[in-house]
Amino acid sequence: MSTVFDAISERKKLVNNQDKQLDKLYGTVQTIKQRATDINAEVDSQDPLIQNASDITEGATYGFMSKNKQLDKIIKTENKCCNNISYYIIITIEFFIILIIIASWF
């Protein structure tokens, strides 16, 4: 008879231990859910800024493409030596302008 009670007692201890572990797991899952909700809210709040940056970058890209076409025309009409140097100078200036635009977002 005592072995039956011992088995029942062991079973209750096991179930209680599992309940405690499940409670800890539930708390962890709740914490993760809250963090995921916070991250989602932050991403949603940053989306307009990202869209704005994308629009600015797209506009700058089209502007640079237009300027590059103009540079190609100039390159074809001027002498090769001076033209190459001026082409690299203009590319360098454009690169720094892009860096300034990107830095201004932050």
PDB file of N, CA and C in Angstrom:
ATOM      1  N   MET A   1       0.802  -1.189   0.000  1.00  0.00           N
ATOM      2  CA  MET A   1       0.000   0.000   0.000  1.00  0.00           C
ATOM      3  C   MET A   1       0.856   1.269   0.000  1.00  0.00           C
ATOM      4  N   SER A   2       1.951   1.232   0.748  1.00  0.00           N
ATOM      5  CA  SER A   2       2.794   2.423   0.808  1.00  0.00           C
ATOM      6  C   SER A   2       3.472   2.686  -0.538  1.00  0.00           C
ATOM      7  N   THR A   3       3.737   1.663  -1.316  1.00  0.00           N
ATOM      8  CA  THR A   3       4.351   1.887  -2.622  1.00  0.00           C
ATOM      9  C   THR A   3       3.388   2.602  -3.563  1.00  0.00           C
ATOM     10  N   VAL A   4       2.091   2.348  -3.428  1.00  0.00           N
ATOM     11  CA  VAL A   4       1.103   3.043  -4.246  1.00  0.00           C
ATOM     12  C   VAL A   4       1.080   4.519  -3.868  1.00  0.00           C
ATOM     13  N   PHE A   5       1.097   4.790  -2.551  1.00  0.00           N
ATOM     14  CA  PHE A   5       1.113   6.188  -2.107  1.00  0.00           C
ATOM     15  C   PHE A   5       2.418   6.880  -2.493  1.00  0.00           C
ATOM     16  N   ASP A   6       3.523   6.139  -2.418  1.00  0.00           N
ATOM     17  CA  ASP A   6       4.811   6.703  -2.839  1.00  0.00           C
ATOM     18  C   ASP A   6       4.795   7.047  -4.335  1.00  0.00           C
ATOM     19  N   ALA A   7       4.220   6.162  -5.135  1.00  0.00           N
ATOM     20  CA  ALA A   7       4.135   6.395  -6.572  1.00  0.00           C
ATOM     21  C   ALA A   7       3.268   7.609  -6.869  1.00  0.00           C
ATOM     22  N   ILE A   8       2.147   7.723  -6.135  1.00  0.00           N
ATOM     23  CA  ILE A   8       1.251   8.869  -6.326  1.00  0.00           C
ATOM     24  C   ILE A   8       1.961  10.156  -5.903  1.00  0.00           C
ATOM     25  N   SER A   9       2.685  10.094  -4.788  1.00  0.00           N
ATOM     26  CA  SER A   9       3.419  11.263  -4.298  1.00  0.00           C
ATOM     27  C   SER A   9       4.502  11.686  -5.304  1.00  0.00           C
ATOM     28  N   GLU A  10       5.219  10.742  -5.841  1.00  0.00           N
ATOM     29  CA  GLU A  10       6.247  11.035  -6.841  1.00  0.00           C
ATOM     30  C   GLU A  10       5.617  11.649  -8.095  1.00  0.00           C
ATOM     31  N   ARG A  11       4.468  11.098  -8.454  1.00  0.00           N
ATOM     32  CA  ARG A  11       3.769  11.609  -9.637  1.00  0.00           C
ATOM     33  C   ARG A  11       3.346  13.065  -9.420  1.00  0.00           C
ATOM     34  N   LYS A  12       2.838  13.386  -8.228  1.00  0.00           N
ATOM     35  CA  LYS A  12       2.420  14.753  -7.909  1.00  0.00           C
ATOM     36  C   LYS A  12       3.620  15.700  -7.936  1.00  0.00           C
ATOM     37  N   LYS A  13       4.760  15.240  -7.402  1.00  0.00           N
ATOM     38  CA  LYS A  13       5.966  16.062  -7.422  1.00  0.00           C
ATOM     39  C   LYS A  13       6.403  16.343  -8.858  1.00  0.00           C
ATOM     40  N   LEU A  14       6.339  15.306  -9.672  1.00  0.00           N
ATOM     41  CA  LEU A  14       6.712  15.447 -11.075  1.00  0.00           C
ATOM     42  C   LEU A  14       5.795  16.442 -11.786  1.00  0.00           C
ATOM     43  N   VAL A  15       4.497  16.334 -11.553  1.00  0.00           N
ATOM     44  CA  VAL A  15       3.520  17.234 -12.177  1.00  0.00           C
ATOM     45  C   VAL A  15       3.749  18.671 -11.678  1.00  0.00           C
ATOM     46  N   ASN A  16       3.991  18.830 -10.367  1.00  0.00           N
ATOM     47  CA  ASN A  16       4.259  20.166  -9.821  1.00  0.00           C
ATOM     48  C   ASN A  16       5.517  20.781 -10.432  1.00  0.00           C
ATOM     49  N   ASN A  17       6.553  19.970 -10.579  1.00  0.00           N
ATOM     50  CA  ASN A  17       7.796  20.445 -11.206  1.00  0.00           C
ATOM     51  C   ASN A  17       7.542  20.870 -12.648  1.00  0.00           C
ATOM     52  N   GLN A  18       6.777  20.067 -13.373  1.00  0.00           N
ATOM     53  CA  GLN A  18       6.447  20.418 -14.754  1.00  0.00           C
ATOM     54  C   GLN A  18       5.629  21.705 -14.818  1.00  0.00           C
ATOM     55  N   ASP A  19       4.696  21.878 -13.862  1.00  0.00           N
ATOM     56  CA  ASP A  19       3.899  23.105 -13.821  1.00  0.00           C
ATOM     57  C   ASP A  19       4.787  24.327 -13.605  1.00  0.00           C
ATOM     58  N   LYS A  20       5.770  24.215 -12.704  1.00  0.00           N
ATOM     59  CA  LYS A  20       6.687  25.331 -12.456  1.00  0.00           C
ATOM     60  C   LYS A  20       7.502  25.654 -13.705  1.00  0.00           C
ATOM     61  N   GLN A  21       7.966  24.619 -14.384  1.00  0.00           N
ATOM     62  CA  GLN A  21       8.739  24.838 -15.605  1.00  0.00           C
ATOM     63  C   GLN A  21       7.876  25.472 -16.705  1.00  0.00           C
ATOM     64  N   LEU A  22       6.628  25.017 -16.806  1.00  0.00           N
ATOM     65  CA  LEU A  22       5.724  25.607 -17.794  1.00  0.00           C
ATOM     66  C   LEU A  22       5.422  27.071 -17.467  1.00  0.00           C
ATOM     67  N   ASP A  23       5.292  27.400 -16.179  1.00  0.00           N
ATOM     68  CA  ASP A  23       5.072  28.791 -15.776  1.00  0.00           C
ATOM     69  C   ASP A  23       6.264  29.668 -16.173  1.00  0.00           C
ATOM     70  N   LYS A  24       7.490  29.153 -15.965  1.00  0.00           N
ATOM     71  CA  LYS A  24       8.691  29.890 -16.375  1.00  0.00           C
ATOM     72  C   LYS A  24       8.702  30.078 -17.890  1.00  0.00           C
ATOM     73  N   LEU A  25       8.381  29.018 -18.606  1.00  0.00           N
ATOM     74  CA  LEU A  25       8.355  29.078 -20.062  1.00  0.00           C
ATOM     75  C   LEU A  25       7.311  30.085 -20.535  1.00  0.00           C
ATOM     76  N   TYR A  26       6.152  30.105 -19.905  1.00  0.00           N
ATOM     77  CA  TYR A  26       5.103  31.049 -20.260  1.00  0.00           C
ATOM     78  C   TYR A  26       5.583  32.487 -20.046  1.00  0.00           C
ATOM     79  N   GLY A  27       6.259  32.722 -18.933  1.00  0.00           N
ATOM     80  CA  GLY A  27       6.795  34.058 -18.666  1.00  0.00           C
ATOM     81  C   GLY A  27       7.807  34.477 -19.724  1.00  0.00           C
ATOM     82  N   THR A  28       8.652  33.550 -20.124  1.00  0.00           N
ATOM     83  CA  THR A  28       9.650  33.836 -21.164  1.00  0.00           C
ATOM     84  C   THR A  28       8.976  34.144 -22.495  1.00  0.00           C
ATOM     85  N   VAL A  29       7.961  33.363 -22.826  1.00  0.00           N
ATOM     86  CA  VAL A  29       7.235  33.586 -24.080  1.00  0.00           C
ATOM     87  C   VAL A  29       6.541  34.942 -24.051  1.00  0.00           C
ATOM     88  N   GLN A  30       5.977  35.326 -22.922  1.00  0.00           N
ATOM     89  CA  GLN A  30       5.328  36.637 -22.800  1.00  0.00           C
ATOM     90  C   GLN A  30       6.341  37.758 -22.997  1.00  0.00           C
ATOM     91  N   THR A  31       7.533  37.591 -22.422  1.00  0.00           N
ATOM     92  CA  THR A  31       8.590  38.596 -22.578  1.00  0.00           C
ATOM     93  C   THR A  31       8.995  38.721 -24.043  1.00  0.00           C
ATOM     94  N   ILE A  32       9.171  37.596 -24.707  1.00  0.00           N
ATOM     95  CA  ILE A  32       9.547  37.608 -26.126  1.00  0.00           C
ATOM     96  C   ILE A  32       8.448  38.257 -26.957  1.00  0.00           C
ATOM     97  N   LYS A  33       7.196  37.951 -26.617  1.00  0.00           N
ATOM     98  CA  LYS A  33       6.077  38.552 -27.352  1.00  0.00           C
ATOM     99  C   LYS A  33       6.087  40.068 -27.185  1.00  0.00           C
ATOM    100  N   GLN A  34       6.329  40.558 -25.979  1.00  0.00           N
ATOM    101  CA  GLN A  34       6.353  41.998 -25.737  1.00  0.00           C
ATOM    102  C   GLN A  34       7.500  42.659 -26.509  1.00  0.00           C
ATOM    103  N   ARG A  35       8.650  42.005 -26.505  1.00  0.00           N
ATOM    104  CA  ARG A  35       9.784  42.560 -27.249  1.00  0.00           C
ATOM    105  C   ARG A  35       9.500  42.597 -28.746  1.00  0.00           C
ATOM    106  N   ALA A  36       8.866  41.544 -29.249  1.00  0.00           N
ATOM    107  CA  ALA A  36       8.521  41.513 -30.678  1.00  0.00           C
ATOM    108  C   ALA A  36       7.527  42.619 -31.007  1.00  0.00           C
ATOM    109  N   THR A  37       6.584  42.857 -30.120  1.00  0.00           N
ATOM    110  CA  THR A  37       5.610  43.933 -30.319  1.00  0.00           C
ATOM    111  C   THR A  37       6.311  45.287 -30.321  1.00  0.00           C
ATOM    112  N   ASP A  38       7.255  45.482 -29.399  1.00  0.00           N
ATOM    113  CA  ASP A  38       8.014  46.735 -29.345  1.00  0.00           C
ATOM    114  C   ASP A  38       8.842  46.943 -30.607  1.00  0.00           C
ATOM    115  N   ILE A  39       9.489  45.882 -31.072  1.00  0.00           N
ATOM    116  CA  ILE A  39      10.297  45.971 -32.295  1.00  0.00           C
ATOM    117  C   ILE A  39       9.406  46.312 -33.488  1.00  0.00           C
ATOM    118  N   ASN A  40       8.243  45.683 -33.565  1.00  0.00           N
ATOM    119  CA  ASN A  40       7.312  45.959 -34.656  1.00  0.00           C
ATOM    120  C   ASN A  40       6.877  47.422 -34.642  1.00  0.00           C
ATOM    121  N   ALA A  41       6.582  47.943 -33.456  1.00  0.00           N
ATOM    122  CA  ALA A  41       6.184  49.351 -33.351  1.00  0.00           C
ATOM    123  C   ALA A  41       7.325  50.267 -33.794  1.00  0.00           C
ATOM    124  N   GLU A  42       8.546  49.934 -33.418  1.00  0.00           N
ATOM    125  CA  GLU A  42       9.699  50.751 -33.804  1.00  0.00           C
ATOM    126  C   GLU A  42       9.906  50.716 -35.324  1.00  0.00           C
ATOM    127  N   VAL A  43       9.785  49.535 -35.908  1.00  0.00           N
ATOM    128  CA  VAL A  43       9.936  49.415 -37.361  1.00  0.00           C
ATOM    129  C   VAL A  43       8.841  50.217 -38.068  1.00  0.00           C
ATOM    130  N   ASP A  44       7.616  50.128 -37.556  1.00  0.00           N
ATOM    131  CA  ASP A  44       6.524  50.898 -38.164  1.00  0.00           C
ATOM    132  C   ASP A  44       6.779  52.398 -38.065  1.00  0.00           C
ATOM    133  N   SER A  45       7.349  52.842 -36.938  1.00  0.00           N
ATOM    134  CA  SER A  45       7.609  54.273 -36.784  1.00  0.00           C
ATOM    135  C   SER A  45       8.771  54.730 -37.668  1.00  0.00           C
ATOM    136  N   GLN A  46       9.699  53.837 -37.985  1.00  0.00           N
ATOM    137  CA  GLN A  46      10.852  54.194 -38.820  1.00  0.00           C
ATOM    138  C   GLN A  46      10.534  54.113 -40.318  1.00  0.00           C
ATOM    139  N   ASP A  47       9.452  53.452 -40.675  1.00  0.00           N
ATOM    140  CA  ASP A  47       9.134  53.247 -42.088  1.00  0.00           C
ATOM    141  C   ASP A  47       9.020  54.549 -42.883  1.00  0.00           C
ATOM    142  N   PRO A  48       8.346  55.582 -42.369  1.00  0.00           N
ATOM    143  CA  PRO A  48       8.290  56.832 -43.154  1.00  0.00           C
ATOM    144  C   PRO A  48       9.674  57.440 -43.392  1.00  0.00           C
ATOM    145  N   LEU A  49      10.560  57.333 -42.402  1.00  0.00           N
ATOM    146  CA  LEU A  49      11.912  57.858 -42.582  1.00  0.00           C
ATOM    147  C   LEU A  49      12.647  57.094 -43.666  1.00  0.00           C
ATOM    148  N   ILE A  50      12.473  55.790 -43.668  1.00  0.00           N
ATOM    149  CA  ILE A  50      13.128  54.955 -44.680  1.00  0.00           C
ATOM    150  C   ILE A  50      12.578  55.283 -46.066  1.00  0.00           C
ATOM    151  N   GLN A  51      11.267  55.460 -46.150  1.00  0.00           N
ATOM    152  CA  GLN A  51      10.665  55.806 -47.434  1.00  0.00           C
ATOM    153  C   GLN A  51      11.171  57.161 -47.931  1.00  0.00           C
ATOM    154  N   ASN A  52      11.287  58.114 -47.013  1.00  0.00           N
ATOM    155  CA  ASN A  52      11.798  59.434 -47.374  1.00  0.00           C
ATOM    156  C   ASN A  52      13.238  59.332 -47.874  1.00  0.00           C
ATOM    157  N   ALA A  53      14.048  58.561 -47.159  1.00  0.00           N
ATOM    158  CA  ALA A  53      15.441  58.377 -47.582  1.00  0.00           C
ATOM    159  C   ALA A  53      15.496  57.705 -48.947  1.00  0.00           C
ATOM    160  N   SER A  54      14.619  56.756 -49.163  1.00  0.00           N
ATOM    161  CA  SER A  54      14.573  56.069 -50.455  1.00  0.00           C
ATOM    162  C   SER A  54      14.201  57.044 -51.577  1.00  0.00           C
ATOM    163  N   ASP A  55      13.226  57.900 -51.319  1.00  0.00           N
ATOM    164  CA  ASP A  55      12.816  58.884 -52.330  1.00  0.00           C
ATOM    165  C   ASP A  55      13.947  59.855 -52.651  1.00  0.00           C
ATOM    166  N   ILE A  56      14.632  60.316 -51.603  1.00  0.00           N
ATOM    167  CA  ILE A  56      15.751  61.247 -51.814  1.00  0.00           C
ATOM    168  C   ILE A  56      16.857  60.576 -52.612  1.00  0.00           C
ATOM    169  N   THR A  57      17.163  59.338 -52.246  1.00  0.00           N
ATOM    170  CA  THR A  57      18.214  58.600 -52.945  1.00  0.00           C
ATOM    171  C   THR A  57      17.837  58.375 -54.403  1.00  0.00           C
ATOM    172  N   GLU A  58      16.585  58.049 -54.641  1.00  0.00           N
ATOM    173  CA  GLU A  58      16.134  57.827 -56.017  1.00  0.00           C
ATOM    174  C   GLU A  58      16.257  59.100 -56.841  1.00  0.00           C
ATOM    175  N   GLY A  59      15.871  60.224 -56.245  1.00  0.00           N
ATOM    176  CA  GLY A  59      15.995  61.508 -56.943  1.00  0.00           C
ATOM    177  C   GLY A  59      17.448  61.842 -57.241  1.00  0.00           C
ATOM    178  N   ALA A  60      18.305  61.587 -56.262  1.00  0.00           N
ATOM    179  CA  ALA A  60      19.731  61.853 -56.455  1.00  0.00           C
ATOM    180  C   ALA A  60      20.299  60.949 -57.541  1.00  0.00           C
ATOM    181  N   THR A  61      19.857  59.711 -57.562  1.00  0.00           N
ATOM    182  CA  THR A  61      20.336  58.755 -58.566  1.00  0.00           C
ATOM    183  C   THR A  61      19.995  59.246 -59.974  1.00  0.00           C
ATOM    184  N   TYR A  62      18.759  59.678 -60.174  1.00  0.00           N
ATOM    185  CA  TYR A  62      18.373  60.169 -61.492  1.00  0.00           C
ATOM    186  C   TYR A  62      19.169  61.423 -61.866  1.00  0.00           C
ATOM    187  N   GLY A  63      19.413  62.274 -60.878  1.00  0.00           N
ATOM    188  CA  GLY A  63      20.221  63.471 -61.132  1.00  0.00           C
ATOM    189  C   GLY A  63      21.630  63.108 -61.553  1.00  0.00           C
ATOM    190  N   PHE A  64      22.224  62.138 -60.858  1.00  0.00           N
ATOM    191  CA  PHE A  64      23.576  61.710 -61.217  1.00  0.00           C
ATOM    192  C   PHE A  64      23.607  61.048 -62.587  1.00  0.00           C
ATOM    193  N   MET A  65      22.578  60.306 -62.913  1.00  0.00           N
ATOM    194  CA  MET A  65      22.533  59.677 -64.236  1.00  0.00           C
ATOM    195  C   MET A  65      22.494  60.748 -65.326  1.00  0.00           C
ATOM    196  N   SER A  66      21.718  61.790 -65.085  1.00  0.00           N
ATOM    197  CA  SER A  66      21.634  62.888 -66.049  1.00  0.00           C
ATOM    198  C   SER A  66      22.987  63.585 -66.193  1.00  0.00           C
ATOM    199  N   LYS A  67      23.631  63.843 -65.064  1.00  0.00           N
ATOM    200  CA  LYS A  67      24.948  64.503 -65.106  1.00  0.00           C
ATOM    201  C   LYS A  67      25.987  63.613 -65.783  1.00  0.00           C
ATOM    202  N   ASN A  68      25.903  62.313 -65.561  1.00  0.00           N
ATOM    203  CA  ASN A  68      26.848  61.398 -66.214  1.00  0.00           C
ATOM    204  C   ASN A  68      26.670  61.398 -67.726  1.00  0.00           C
ATOM    205  N   LYS A  69      25.422  61.506 -68.178  1.00  0.00           N
ATOM    206  CA  LYS A  69      25.185  61.596 -69.625  1.00  0.00           C
ATOM    207  C   LYS A  69      25.805  62.871 -70.185  1.00  0.00           C
ATOM    208  N   GLN A  70      25.643  63.966 -69.426  1.00  0.00           N
ATOM    209  CA  GLN A  70      26.247  65.224 -69.869  1.00  0.00           C
ATOM    210  C   GLN A  70      27.771  65.111 -69.884  1.00  0.00           C
ATOM    211  N   LEU A  71      28.319  64.441 -68.887  1.00  0.00           N
ATOM    212  CA  LEU A  71      29.766  64.246 -68.848  1.00  0.00           C
ATOM    213  C   LEU A  71      30.249  63.402 -70.018  1.00  0.00           C
ATOM    214  N   ASP A  72      29.485  62.385 -70.361  1.00  0.00           N
ATOM    215  CA  ASP A  72      29.861  61.556 -71.512  1.00  0.00           C
ATOM    216  C   ASP A  72      29.936  62.394 -72.793  1.00  0.00           C
ATOM    217  N   LYS A  73      28.990  63.309 -72.956  1.00  0.00           N
ATOM    218  CA  LYS A  73      29.021  64.180 -74.129  1.00  0.00           C
ATOM    219  C   LYS A  73      30.264  65.067 -74.108  1.00  0.00           C
ATOM    220  N   ILE A  74      30.591  65.592 -72.928  1.00  0.00           N
ATOM    221  CA  ILE A  74      31.773  66.452 -72.803  1.00  0.00           C
ATOM    222  C   ILE A  74      33.032  65.656 -73.094  1.00  0.00           C
ATOM    223  N   ILE A  75      33.080  64.429 -72.589  1.00  0.00           N
ATOM    224  CA  ILE A  75      34.255  63.581 -72.791  1.00  0.00           C
ATOM    225  C   ILE A  75      34.487  63.324 -74.275  1.00  0.00           C
ATOM    226  N   LYS A  76      33.431  63.112 -75.014  1.00  0.00           N
ATOM    227  CA  LYS A  76      33.563  62.836 -76.448  1.00  0.00           C
ATOM    228  C   LYS A  76      34.063  64.055 -77.217  1.00  0.00           C
ATOM    229  N   THR A  77      33.810  65.254 -76.707  1.00  0.00           N
ATOM    230  CA  THR A  77      34.186  66.452 -77.451  1.00  0.00           C
ATOM    231  C   THR A  77      35.528  67.036 -77.040  1.00  0.00           C
ATOM    232  N   GLU A  78      36.005  66.754 -75.822  1.00  0.00           N
ATOM    233  CA  GLU A  78      37.262  67.336 -75.362  1.00  0.00           C
ATOM    234  C   GLU A  78      38.414  66.367 -75.556  1.00  0.00           C
ATOM    235  N   ASN A  79      39.613  66.896 -75.358  1.00  0.00           N
ATOM    236  CA  ASN A  79      40.772  66.014 -75.533  1.00  0.00           C
ATOM    237  C   ASN A  79      40.824  64.995 -74.395  1.00  0.00           C
ATOM    238  N   LYS A  80      41.419  63.870 -74.680  1.00  0.00           N
ATOM    239  CA  LYS A  80      41.347  62.720 -73.800  1.00  0.00           C
ATOM    240  C   LYS A  80      42.074  62.921 -72.471  1.00  0.00           C
ATOM    241  N   CYS A  81      43.233  63.493 -72.446  1.00  0.00           N
ATOM    242  CA  CYS A  81      44.043  63.630 -71.232  1.00  0.00           C
ATOM    243  C   CYS A  81      43.335  64.486 -70.185  1.00  0.00           C
ATOM    244  N   CYS A  82      42.982  65.680 -70.556  1.00  0.00           N
ATOM    245  CA  CYS A  82      42.330  66.584 -69.605  1.00  0.00           C
ATOM    246  C   CYS A  82      40.950  66.085 -69.227  1.00  0.00           C
ATOM    247  N   ASN A  83      40.300  65.449 -70.174  1.00  0.00           N
ATOM    248  CA  ASN A  83      38.955  64.962 -69.945  1.00  0.00           C
ATOM    249  C   ASN A  83      38.930  63.874 -68.880  1.00  0.00           C
ATOM    250  N   ASN A  84      39.879  62.957 -68.915  1.00  0.00           N
ATOM    251  CA  ASN A  84      39.918  61.890 -67.920  1.00  0.00           C
ATOM    252  C   ASN A  84      40.097  62.435 -66.521  1.00  0.00           C
ATOM    253  N   ILE A  85      40.964  63.407 -66.369  1.00  0.00           N
ATOM    254  CA  ILE A  85      41.212  64.002 -65.054  1.00  0.00           C
ATOM    255  C   ILE A  85      39.955  64.701 -64.556  1.00  0.00           C
ATOM    256  N   SER A  86      39.322  65.475 -65.401  1.00  0.00           N
ATOM    257  CA  SER A  86      38.112  66.183 -64.977  1.00  0.00           C
ATOM    258  C   SER A  86      36.985  65.202 -64.682  1.00  0.00           C
ATOM    259  N   TYR A  87      36.930  64.119 -65.433  1.00  0.00           N
ATOM    260  CA  TYR A  87      35.904  63.094 -65.191  1.00  0.00           C
ATOM    261  C   TYR A  87      36.081  62.491 -63.802  1.00  0.00           C
ATOM    262  N   TYR A  88      37.304  62.157 -63.436  1.00  0.00           N
ATOM    263  CA  TYR A  88      37.555  61.580 -62.114  1.00  0.00           C
ATOM    264  C   TYR A  88      37.303  62.593 -60.998  1.00  0.00           C
ATOM    265  N   ILE A  89      37.598  63.836 -61.252  1.00  0.00           N
ATOM    266  CA  ILE A  89      37.325  64.880 -60.255  1.00  0.00           C
ATOM    267  C   ILE A  89      35.823  65.006 -60.029  1.00  0.00           C
ATOM    268  N   ILE A  90      35.072  65.002 -61.097  1.00  0.00           N
ATOM    269  CA  ILE A  90      33.616  65.124 -60.977  1.00  0.00           C
ATOM    270  C   ILE A  90      33.031  63.905 -60.274  1.00  0.00           C
ATOM    271  N   ILE A  91      33.514  62.726 -60.590  1.00  0.00           N
ATOM    272  CA  ILE A  91      33.040  61.514 -59.908  1.00  0.00           C
ATOM    273  C   ILE A  91      33.341  61.594 -58.420  1.00  0.00           C
ATOM    274  N   THR A  92      34.519  62.064 -58.074  1.00  0.00           N
ATOM    275  CA  THR A  92      34.893  62.211 -56.667  1.00  0.00           C
ATOM    276  C   THR A  92      33.980  63.209 -55.970  1.00  0.00           C
ATOM    277  N   ILE A  93      33.694  64.312 -56.617  1.00  0.00           N
ATOM    278  CA  ILE A  93      32.787  65.310 -56.041  1.00  0.00           C
ATOM    279  C   ILE A  93      31.401  64.723 -55.841  1.00  0.00           C
ATOM    280  N   GLU A  94      30.905  63.980 -56.830  1.00  0.00           N
ATOM    281  CA  GLU A  94      29.596  63.330 -56.699  1.00  0.00           C
ATOM    282  C   GLU A  94      29.584  62.346 -55.540  1.00  0.00           C
ATOM    283  N   PHE A  95      30.653  61.613 -55.375  1.00  0.00           N
ATOM    284  CA  PHE A  95      30.751  60.655 -54.268  1.00  0.00           C
ATOM    285  C   PHE A  95      30.639  61.378 -52.927  1.00  0.00           C
ATOM    286  N   PHE A  96      31.341  62.492 -52.783  1.00  0.00           N
ATOM    287  CA  PHE A  96      31.280  63.235 -51.523  1.00  0.00           C
ATOM    288  C   PHE A  96      29.897  63.851 -51.305  1.00  0.00           C
ATOM    289  N   ILE A  97      29.247  64.250 -52.361  1.00  0.00           N
ATOM    290  CA  ILE A  97      27.878  64.769 -52.235  1.00  0.00           C
ATOM    291  C   ILE A  97      26.956  63.672 -51.723  1.00  0.00           C
ATOM    292  N   ILE A  98      27.096  62.458 -52.242  1.00  0.00           N
ATOM    293  CA  ILE A  98      26.290  61.327 -51.764  1.00  0.00           C
ATOM    294  C   ILE A  98      26.557  61.091 -50.281  1.00  0.00           C
ATOM    295  N   LEU A  99      27.815  61.120 -49.877  1.00  0.00           N
ATOM    296  CA  LEU A  99      28.154  60.923 -48.470  1.00  0.00           C
ATOM    297  C   LEU A  99      27.525  62.002 -47.595  1.00  0.00           C
ATOM    298  N   ILE A 100      27.536  63.233 -48.063  1.00  0.00           N
ATOM    299  CA  ILE A 100      26.938  64.328 -47.295  1.00  0.00           C
ATOM    300  C   ILE A 100      25.430  64.135 -47.169  1.00  0.00           C
ATOM    301  N   ILE A 101      24.797  63.715 -48.250  1.00  0.00           N
ATOM    302  CA  ILE A 101      23.344  63.464 -48.206  1.00  0.00           C
ATOM    303  C   ILE A 101      23.041  62.368 -47.214  1.00  0.00           C
ATOM    304  N   ILE A 102      23.785  61.286 -47.257  1.00  0.00           N
ATOM    305  CA  ILE A 102      23.548  60.166 -46.337  1.00  0.00           C
ATOM    306  C   ILE A 102      23.817  60.593 -44.898  1.00  0.00           C
ATOM    307  N   ALA A 103      24.872  61.345 -44.674  1.00  0.00           N
ATOM    308  CA  ALA A 103      25.201  61.806 -43.314  1.00  0.00           C
ATOM    309  C   ALA A 103      24.133  62.749 -42.777  1.00  0.00           C
ATOM    310  N   SER A 104      23.485  63.500 -43.639  1.00  0.00           N
ATOM    311  CA  SER A 104      22.464  64.447 -43.175  1.00  0.00           C
ATOM    312  C   SER A 104      21.214  63.736 -42.671  1.00  0.00           C
ATOM    313  N   TRP A 105      21.019  62.486 -43.041  1.00  0.00           N
ATOM    314  CA  TRP A 105      19.859  61.730 -42.549  1.00  0.00           C
ATOM    315  C   TRP A 105      20.036  61.337 -41.102  1.00  0.00           C
ATOM    316  N   PHE A 106      21.273  61.266 -40.654  1.00  0.00           N
ATOM    317  CA  PHE A 106      21.545  60.818 -39.289  1.00  0.00           C
ATOM    318  C   PHE A 106      21.907  62.003 -38.491  1.00  0.00           C
TER     319      PHE A 106
END
